[in-house]
């Protein structure tokens, strides 16, 4: 029987979904078969993705593969953050307090509010004319 060396974690934010796979290794991160710097050119998104690794002090301990789709860059980086934190937690339960302390295991439940009928958007109304 073959033992699976990978640990999986799923992260979601807004409409983005990330499936994160980690394995003990050298610290390389691939997002949709591309290096992290190419997939997330914005520094803020790269910092968010690496936050669980910094919180646990394991920047060069795991090789990470991510498949992410849906949403925009910020939503995708938030989804990867949550998926990576969950994968680290399930690989090593001793890391959970450090992840919880920075709220990295909490799902951001905010979603786009739906458009309502009789209005131009979720909150915006059509222009009112008294006469």
N, C-alpha and C. Protein backbone atom coordinates (compact mmCIF):
# COMPACT_ATOMS: atom_id res chain seq x y z
N UNK A 1 0.83 -1.19 0.00
CA UNK A 1 0.00 0.00 0.00
C UNK A 1 0.88 1.25 0.00
N UNK A 2 0.53 2.23 -0.84
CA UNK A 2 1.30 3.46 -0.96
C UNK A 2 0.72 4.51 -0.02
N UNK A 3 1.58 5.12 0.79
CA UNK A 3 1.15 6.17 1.70
C UNK A 3 1.25 7.50 0.96
N UNK A 4 0.18 8.31 1.03
CA UNK A 4 0.16 9.59 0.33
C UNK A 4 0.98 10.61 1.13
N UNK A 5 2.05 11.18 0.53
CA UNK A 5 2.88 12.14 1.27
C UNK A 5 2.28 13.54 1.33
N UNK A 6 1.19 13.77 0.61
CA UNK A 6 0.61 15.12 0.52
C UNK A 6 -0.46 15.33 1.57
N UNK A 7 -0.60 16.59 1.98
CA UNK A 7 -1.68 17.01 2.87
C UNK A 7 -2.45 18.09 2.13
N UNK A 8 -3.77 17.99 2.15
CA UNK A 8 -4.62 18.91 1.39
C UNK A 8 -5.33 19.89 2.31
N UNK A 9 -5.64 21.06 1.75
CA UNK A 9 -6.44 22.05 2.44
C UNK A 9 -7.23 22.84 1.42
N UNK A 10 -8.48 23.13 1.73
CA UNK A 10 -9.33 23.90 0.81
C UNK A 10 -9.63 25.25 1.44
N UNK A 11 -9.46 26.29 0.64
CA UNK A 11 -9.75 27.64 1.12
C UNK A 11 -10.71 28.34 0.18
N UNK A 12 -11.59 29.16 0.75
CA UNK A 12 -12.55 29.92 -0.06
C UNK A 12 -12.59 31.36 0.43
N UNK A 13 -12.76 32.27 -0.52
CA UNK A 13 -13.00 33.68 -0.17
C UNK A 13 -13.75 34.31 -1.32
N UNK A 14 -14.84 35.01 -1.03
CA UNK A 14 -15.74 35.57 -2.04
C UNK A 14 -16.14 34.45 -3.00
N UNK A 15 -15.77 34.53 -4.27
CA UNK A 15 -16.12 33.44 -5.19
C UNK A 15 -14.90 32.62 -5.59
N UNK A 16 -13.76 32.85 -4.94
CA UNK A 16 -12.53 32.12 -5.27
C UNK A 16 -12.44 30.85 -4.42
N UNK A 17 -11.95 29.77 -5.05
CA UNK A 17 -11.75 28.50 -4.37
C UNK A 17 -10.32 28.05 -4.65
N UNK A 18 -9.59 27.70 -3.59
CA UNK A 18 -8.22 27.24 -3.72
C UNK A 18 -8.07 25.86 -3.10
N UNK A 19 -7.46 24.95 -3.86
CA UNK A 19 -7.11 23.64 -3.34
C UNK A 19 -5.60 23.60 -3.17
N UNK A 20 -5.15 23.46 -1.93
CA UNK A 20 -3.73 23.56 -1.60
C UNK A 20 -3.22 22.18 -1.20
N UNK A 21 -2.06 21.82 -1.77
CA UNK A 21 -1.42 20.53 -1.47
C UNK A 21 -0.01 20.83 -0.98
N UNK A 22 0.33 20.31 0.21
CA UNK A 22 1.67 20.54 0.75
C UNK A 22 2.36 19.22 0.99
N UNK A 23 3.71 19.29 0.95
CA UNK A 23 4.55 18.13 1.21
C UNK A 23 5.85 18.65 1.79
N UNK A 24 6.45 17.98 2.75
CA UNK A 24 7.75 18.43 3.25
C UNK A 24 8.74 18.57 2.11
N UNK A 25 9.45 19.69 2.08
CA UNK A 25 10.37 19.94 0.97
C UNK A 25 11.25 21.15 1.22
N UNK A 26 11.47 21.92 0.14
CA UNK A 26 12.46 23.00 0.19
C UNK A 26 11.85 24.39 0.25
N UNK A 27 10.54 24.54 0.07
CA UNK A 27 9.91 25.85 0.18
C UNK A 27 9.45 26.45 -1.12
N UNK A 28 9.36 25.66 -2.21
CA UNK A 28 8.88 26.23 -3.47
C UNK A 28 7.35 26.30 -3.45
N UNK A 29 6.81 27.34 -4.06
CA UNK A 29 5.36 27.54 -4.10
C UNK A 29 4.95 27.71 -5.56
N UNK A 30 4.06 26.85 -6.03
CA UNK A 30 3.52 26.95 -7.39
C UNK A 30 2.02 27.18 -7.31
N UNK A 31 1.54 28.21 -7.99
CA UNK A 31 0.12 28.51 -8.04
C UNK A 31 -0.33 28.36 -9.49
N UNK A 32 -1.23 27.43 -9.76
CA UNK A 32 -1.67 27.11 -11.13
C UNK A 32 -0.47 26.88 -12.06
N UNK A 33 0.46 26.05 -11.61
CA UNK A 33 1.69 25.68 -12.33
C UNK A 33 2.61 26.86 -12.62
N UNK A 34 2.45 27.97 -11.90
CA UNK A 34 3.33 29.13 -12.10
C UNK A 34 3.93 29.52 -10.75
N UNK A 35 5.14 30.08 -10.75
CA UNK A 35 5.73 30.52 -9.47
C UNK A 35 4.86 31.61 -8.84
N UNK A 36 4.94 31.70 -7.53
CA UNK A 36 4.11 32.64 -6.77
C UNK A 36 4.28 34.07 -7.27
N UNK A 37 5.52 34.48 -7.59
CA UNK A 37 5.79 35.85 -8.01
C UNK A 37 5.12 36.17 -9.35
N UNK A 38 4.97 35.16 -10.21
CA UNK A 38 4.34 35.38 -11.52
C UNK A 38 2.83 35.39 -11.41
N UNK A 39 2.28 34.55 -10.54
CA UNK A 39 0.82 34.47 -10.43
C UNK A 39 0.25 35.65 -9.65
N UNK A 40 0.94 36.05 -8.57
CA UNK A 40 0.52 37.19 -7.77
C UNK A 40 1.59 38.28 -7.86
N UNK A 41 1.53 39.15 -8.89
CA UNK A 41 2.55 40.20 -9.01
C UNK A 41 2.44 41.26 -7.92
N UNK A 42 1.27 41.39 -7.31
CA UNK A 42 1.06 42.38 -6.25
C UNK A 42 1.70 41.88 -4.95
N UNK A 43 2.54 42.71 -4.34
CA UNK A 43 3.25 42.33 -3.11
C UNK A 43 2.28 42.00 -1.98
N UNK A 44 1.19 42.75 -1.87
CA UNK A 44 0.21 42.53 -0.80
C UNK A 44 -0.37 41.11 -0.88
N UNK A 45 -0.65 40.63 -2.09
CA UNK A 45 -1.20 39.28 -2.26
C UNK A 45 -0.16 38.22 -1.90
N UNK A 46 1.10 38.44 -2.28
CA UNK A 46 2.15 37.48 -1.96
C UNK A 46 2.36 37.39 -0.45
N UNK A 47 2.32 38.54 0.23
CA UNK A 47 2.48 38.54 1.68
C UNK A 47 1.33 37.78 2.34
N UNK A 48 0.11 37.97 1.82
CA UNK A 48 -1.06 37.26 2.38
C UNK A 48 -0.91 35.75 2.21
N UNK A 49 -0.45 35.32 1.04
CA UNK A 49 -0.30 33.88 0.79
C UNK A 49 0.73 33.27 1.72
N UNK A 50 1.81 34.00 2.02
CA UNK A 50 2.89 33.45 2.84
C UNK A 50 2.67 33.67 4.34
N UNK A 51 1.59 34.33 4.73
CA UNK A 51 1.33 34.61 6.15
C UNK A 51 1.29 33.35 7.01
N UNK A 52 0.60 32.26 6.60
CA UNK A 52 0.60 31.06 7.47
C UNK A 52 2.00 30.47 7.65
N UNK A 53 2.83 30.55 6.61
CA UNK A 53 4.19 30.02 6.72
C UNK A 53 5.02 30.85 7.68
N UNK A 54 4.87 32.18 7.61
CA UNK A 54 5.61 33.06 8.53
C UNK A 54 5.13 32.88 9.97
N UNK A 55 3.82 32.70 10.14
CA UNK A 55 3.27 32.56 11.49
C UNK A 55 3.79 31.29 12.17
N UNK A 56 4.04 30.25 11.38
CA UNK A 56 4.50 28.98 11.95
C UNK A 56 6.01 28.80 11.82
N UNK A 57 6.69 29.76 11.17
CA UNK A 57 8.14 29.66 11.00
C UNK A 57 8.57 28.53 10.09
N UNK A 58 7.78 28.25 9.06
CA UNK A 58 8.09 27.13 8.17
C UNK A 58 8.13 27.59 6.71
N UNK A 59 8.85 28.69 6.44
CA UNK A 59 8.91 29.22 5.08
C UNK A 59 9.61 28.26 4.12
N UNK A 60 10.65 27.57 4.58
CA UNK A 60 11.40 26.68 3.69
C UNK A 60 11.27 25.22 4.11
N UNK A 61 10.12 24.87 4.71
CA UNK A 61 9.92 23.51 5.19
C UNK A 61 9.03 22.69 4.27
N UNK A 62 8.14 23.36 3.52
CA UNK A 62 7.15 22.65 2.70
C UNK A 62 7.23 23.09 1.24
N UNK A 63 6.97 22.13 0.34
CA UNK A 63 6.71 22.44 -1.06
C UNK A 63 5.20 22.55 -1.20
N UNK A 64 4.73 23.58 -1.91
CA UNK A 64 3.30 23.88 -1.95
C UNK A 64 2.84 23.98 -3.40
N UNK A 65 1.75 23.28 -3.70
CA UNK A 65 1.10 23.35 -5.00
C UNK A 65 -0.32 23.81 -4.79
N UNK A 66 -0.76 24.79 -5.58
CA UNK A 66 -2.09 25.37 -5.40
C UNK A 66 -2.81 25.39 -6.73
N UNK A 67 -4.07 24.99 -6.73
CA UNK A 67 -4.98 25.21 -7.86
C UNK A 67 -6.04 26.17 -7.35
N UNK A 68 -6.17 27.31 -8.02
CA UNK A 68 -7.14 28.31 -7.58
C UNK A 68 -7.91 28.81 -8.79
N UNK A 69 -9.21 29.01 -8.61
CA UNK A 69 -10.03 29.57 -9.69
C UNK A 69 -11.18 30.37 -9.10
N UNK A 70 -11.75 31.24 -9.93
CA UNK A 70 -12.85 32.09 -9.51
C UNK A 70 -12.36 33.34 -8.81
N UNK A 71 -13.17 34.39 -8.88
CA UNK A 71 -12.85 35.62 -8.18
C UNK A 71 -11.71 36.40 -8.80
N UNK A 72 -11.23 37.38 -8.08
CA UNK A 72 -10.13 38.22 -8.54
C UNK A 72 -8.86 37.93 -7.75
N UNK A 73 -7.83 38.71 -7.97
CA UNK A 73 -6.54 38.43 -7.32
C UNK A 73 -6.59 38.46 -5.79
N UNK A 74 -7.30 39.43 -5.22
CA UNK A 74 -7.35 39.52 -3.76
C UNK A 74 -8.14 38.37 -3.16
N UNK A 75 -9.27 38.03 -3.79
CA UNK A 75 -10.06 36.90 -3.32
C UNK A 75 -9.29 35.60 -3.44
N UNK A 76 -8.54 35.45 -4.53
CA UNK A 76 -7.76 34.24 -4.73
C UNK A 76 -6.63 34.14 -3.70
N UNK A 77 -5.97 35.25 -3.39
CA UNK A 77 -4.90 35.19 -2.39
C UNK A 77 -5.48 34.88 -1.01
N UNK A 78 -6.67 35.40 -0.71
CA UNK A 78 -7.33 35.07 0.56
C UNK A 78 -7.71 33.60 0.63
N UNK A 79 -8.15 33.05 -0.50
CA UNK A 79 -8.51 31.63 -0.54
C UNK A 79 -7.27 30.76 -0.36
N UNK A 80 -6.17 31.14 -0.99
CA UNK A 80 -4.92 30.37 -0.84
C UNK A 80 -4.44 30.44 0.60
N UNK A 81 -4.54 31.61 1.23
CA UNK A 81 -4.14 31.78 2.62
C UNK A 81 -4.89 30.79 3.52
N UNK A 82 -6.21 30.74 3.38
CA UNK A 82 -7.01 29.84 4.22
C UNK A 82 -6.70 28.38 3.92
N UNK A 83 -6.58 28.04 2.63
CA UNK A 83 -6.27 26.65 2.27
C UNK A 83 -4.92 26.21 2.80
N UNK A 84 -3.93 27.08 2.72
CA UNK A 84 -2.60 26.75 3.22
C UNK A 84 -2.61 26.60 4.74
N UNK A 85 -3.31 27.49 5.43
CA UNK A 85 -3.41 27.39 6.89
C UNK A 85 -4.08 26.08 7.30
N UNK A 86 -5.13 25.70 6.59
CA UNK A 86 -5.83 24.44 6.92
C UNK A 86 -4.95 23.23 6.63
N UNK A 87 -4.19 23.28 5.53
CA UNK A 87 -3.29 22.17 5.20
C UNK A 87 -2.19 22.04 6.25
N UNK A 88 -1.62 23.17 6.69
CA UNK A 88 -0.59 23.13 7.72
C UNK A 88 -1.14 22.57 9.02
N UNK A 89 -2.36 22.97 9.37
CA UNK A 89 -2.99 22.49 10.60
C UNK A 89 -3.21 20.98 10.56
N UNK A 90 -3.69 20.48 9.41
CA UNK A 90 -3.96 19.04 9.34
C UNK A 90 -2.66 18.24 9.22
N UNK A 91 -1.58 18.84 8.73
CA UNK A 91 -0.30 18.14 8.66
C UNK A 91 0.37 18.08 10.03
N UNK A 92 0.26 19.18 10.80
CA UNK A 92 0.89 19.25 12.12
C UNK A 92 -0.05 20.02 13.05
N UNK A 93 -0.74 19.31 13.92
CA UNK A 93 -1.74 19.91 14.80
C UNK A 93 -1.11 20.88 15.79
N UNK A 94 0.18 20.75 16.07
CA UNK A 94 0.85 21.64 17.01
C UNK A 94 0.94 23.08 16.47
N UNK A 95 0.75 23.27 15.16
CA UNK A 95 0.81 24.61 14.57
C UNK A 95 -0.50 25.38 14.73
N UNK A 96 -1.57 24.70 15.13
CA UNK A 96 -2.89 25.34 15.19
C UNK A 96 -2.94 26.58 16.08
N UNK A 97 -2.38 26.57 17.30
CA UNK A 97 -2.47 27.79 18.13
C UNK A 97 -1.85 29.02 17.47
N UNK A 98 -0.72 28.84 16.80
CA UNK A 98 -0.07 29.97 16.13
C UNK A 98 -0.93 30.50 14.99
N UNK A 99 -1.60 29.60 14.28
CA UNK A 99 -2.47 30.01 13.18
C UNK A 99 -3.74 30.68 13.70
N UNK A 100 -4.29 30.14 14.78
CA UNK A 100 -5.50 30.72 15.36
C UNK A 100 -5.25 32.11 15.94
N UNK A 101 -4.07 32.29 16.51
CA UNK A 101 -3.73 33.56 17.14
C UNK A 101 -3.81 34.72 16.14
N UNK A 102 -3.44 34.47 14.89
CA UNK A 102 -3.49 35.50 13.85
C UNK A 102 -4.76 35.40 13.00
N UNK A 103 -5.73 34.60 13.43
CA UNK A 103 -7.03 34.41 12.74
C UNK A 103 -6.85 33.92 11.31
N UNK A 104 -5.89 33.05 11.09
CA UNK A 104 -5.64 32.54 9.74
C UNK A 104 -6.50 31.33 9.41
N UNK A 105 -7.20 30.78 10.40
CA UNK A 105 -8.08 29.63 10.16
C UNK A 105 -9.55 30.06 10.09
N UNK A 106 -9.80 31.37 10.08
CA UNK A 106 -11.17 31.87 10.05
C UNK A 106 -11.57 32.21 8.63
N UNK A 107 -12.70 31.67 8.19
CA UNK A 107 -13.21 31.92 6.85
C UNK A 107 -13.86 33.30 6.82
N UNK A 108 -13.49 34.14 5.85
CA UNK A 108 -14.09 35.46 5.70
C UNK A 108 -15.43 35.26 4.99
N UNK A 109 -16.53 35.44 5.72
CA UNK A 109 -17.85 35.09 5.19
C UNK A 109 -18.47 36.18 4.33
N UNK A 110 -17.79 37.32 4.16
CA UNK A 110 -18.38 38.41 3.40
C UNK A 110 -18.50 38.03 1.93
N UNK A 111 -19.70 38.23 1.38
CA UNK A 111 -19.96 37.93 -0.02
C UNK A 111 -20.61 39.15 -0.66
N UNK A 112 -20.63 39.18 -1.97
CA UNK A 112 -21.27 40.27 -2.69
C UNK A 112 -22.78 40.20 -2.46
N UNK A 113 -23.37 41.34 -2.14
CA UNK A 113 -24.81 41.39 -1.90
C UNK A 113 -25.54 41.36 -3.23
N UNK A 114 -26.64 40.63 -3.28
CA UNK A 114 -27.33 40.45 -4.56
C UNK A 114 -28.09 41.70 -4.98
N UNK A 115 -28.27 41.86 -6.28
CA UNK A 115 -29.05 42.97 -6.81
C UNK A 115 -30.53 42.69 -6.53
N UNK A 116 -31.25 43.73 -6.11
CA UNK A 116 -32.68 43.59 -5.85
C UNK A 116 -33.49 44.15 -7.01
N UNK A 117 -34.69 43.60 -7.19
CA UNK A 117 -35.58 44.09 -8.24
C UNK A 117 -36.06 45.49 -7.89
N UNK A 118 -36.33 46.30 -8.91
CA UNK A 118 -36.79 47.67 -8.68
C UNK A 118 -35.66 48.60 -8.27
N UNK A 119 -34.41 48.11 -8.33
CA UNK A 119 -33.26 48.93 -7.99
C UNK A 119 -32.20 48.74 -9.07
N UNK A 120 -31.23 49.68 -9.08
CA UNK A 120 -30.17 49.59 -10.07
C UNK A 120 -29.08 48.62 -9.64
N UNK A 121 -28.97 48.38 -8.35
CA UNK A 121 -27.94 47.48 -7.83
C UNK A 121 -28.39 46.90 -6.51
N UNK A 122 -27.44 46.51 -5.68
CA UNK A 122 -27.77 45.92 -4.39
C UNK A 122 -28.41 46.96 -3.46
N UNK A 123 -27.84 48.17 -3.44
CA UNK A 123 -28.36 49.25 -2.59
C UNK A 123 -28.78 50.46 -3.41
N UNK A 124 -28.14 50.67 -4.54
CA UNK A 124 -28.40 51.86 -5.37
C UNK A 124 -29.79 51.77 -5.97
N UNK A 125 -30.56 52.88 -5.84
CA UNK A 125 -31.90 52.95 -6.43
C UNK A 125 -31.84 53.69 -7.76
N UNK A 126 -32.91 53.56 -8.53
CA UNK A 126 -33.05 54.39 -9.73
C UNK A 126 -33.29 55.82 -9.29
N UNK A 127 -32.96 56.77 -10.16
CA UNK A 127 -33.11 58.18 -9.80
C UNK A 127 -34.59 58.49 -9.55
N UNK A 128 -34.84 59.23 -8.45
CA UNK A 128 -36.21 59.59 -8.07
C UNK A 128 -36.56 60.93 -8.68
N UNK A 129 -37.74 60.98 -9.32
CA UNK A 129 -38.20 62.24 -9.89
C UNK A 129 -39.54 62.59 -9.24
N UNK A 130 -39.58 63.74 -8.58
CA UNK A 130 -40.80 64.14 -7.90
C UNK A 130 -41.85 64.56 -8.93
N UNK A 131 -41.43 65.20 -10.01
CA UNK A 131 -42.37 65.67 -11.03
C UNK A 131 -41.97 65.17 -12.39
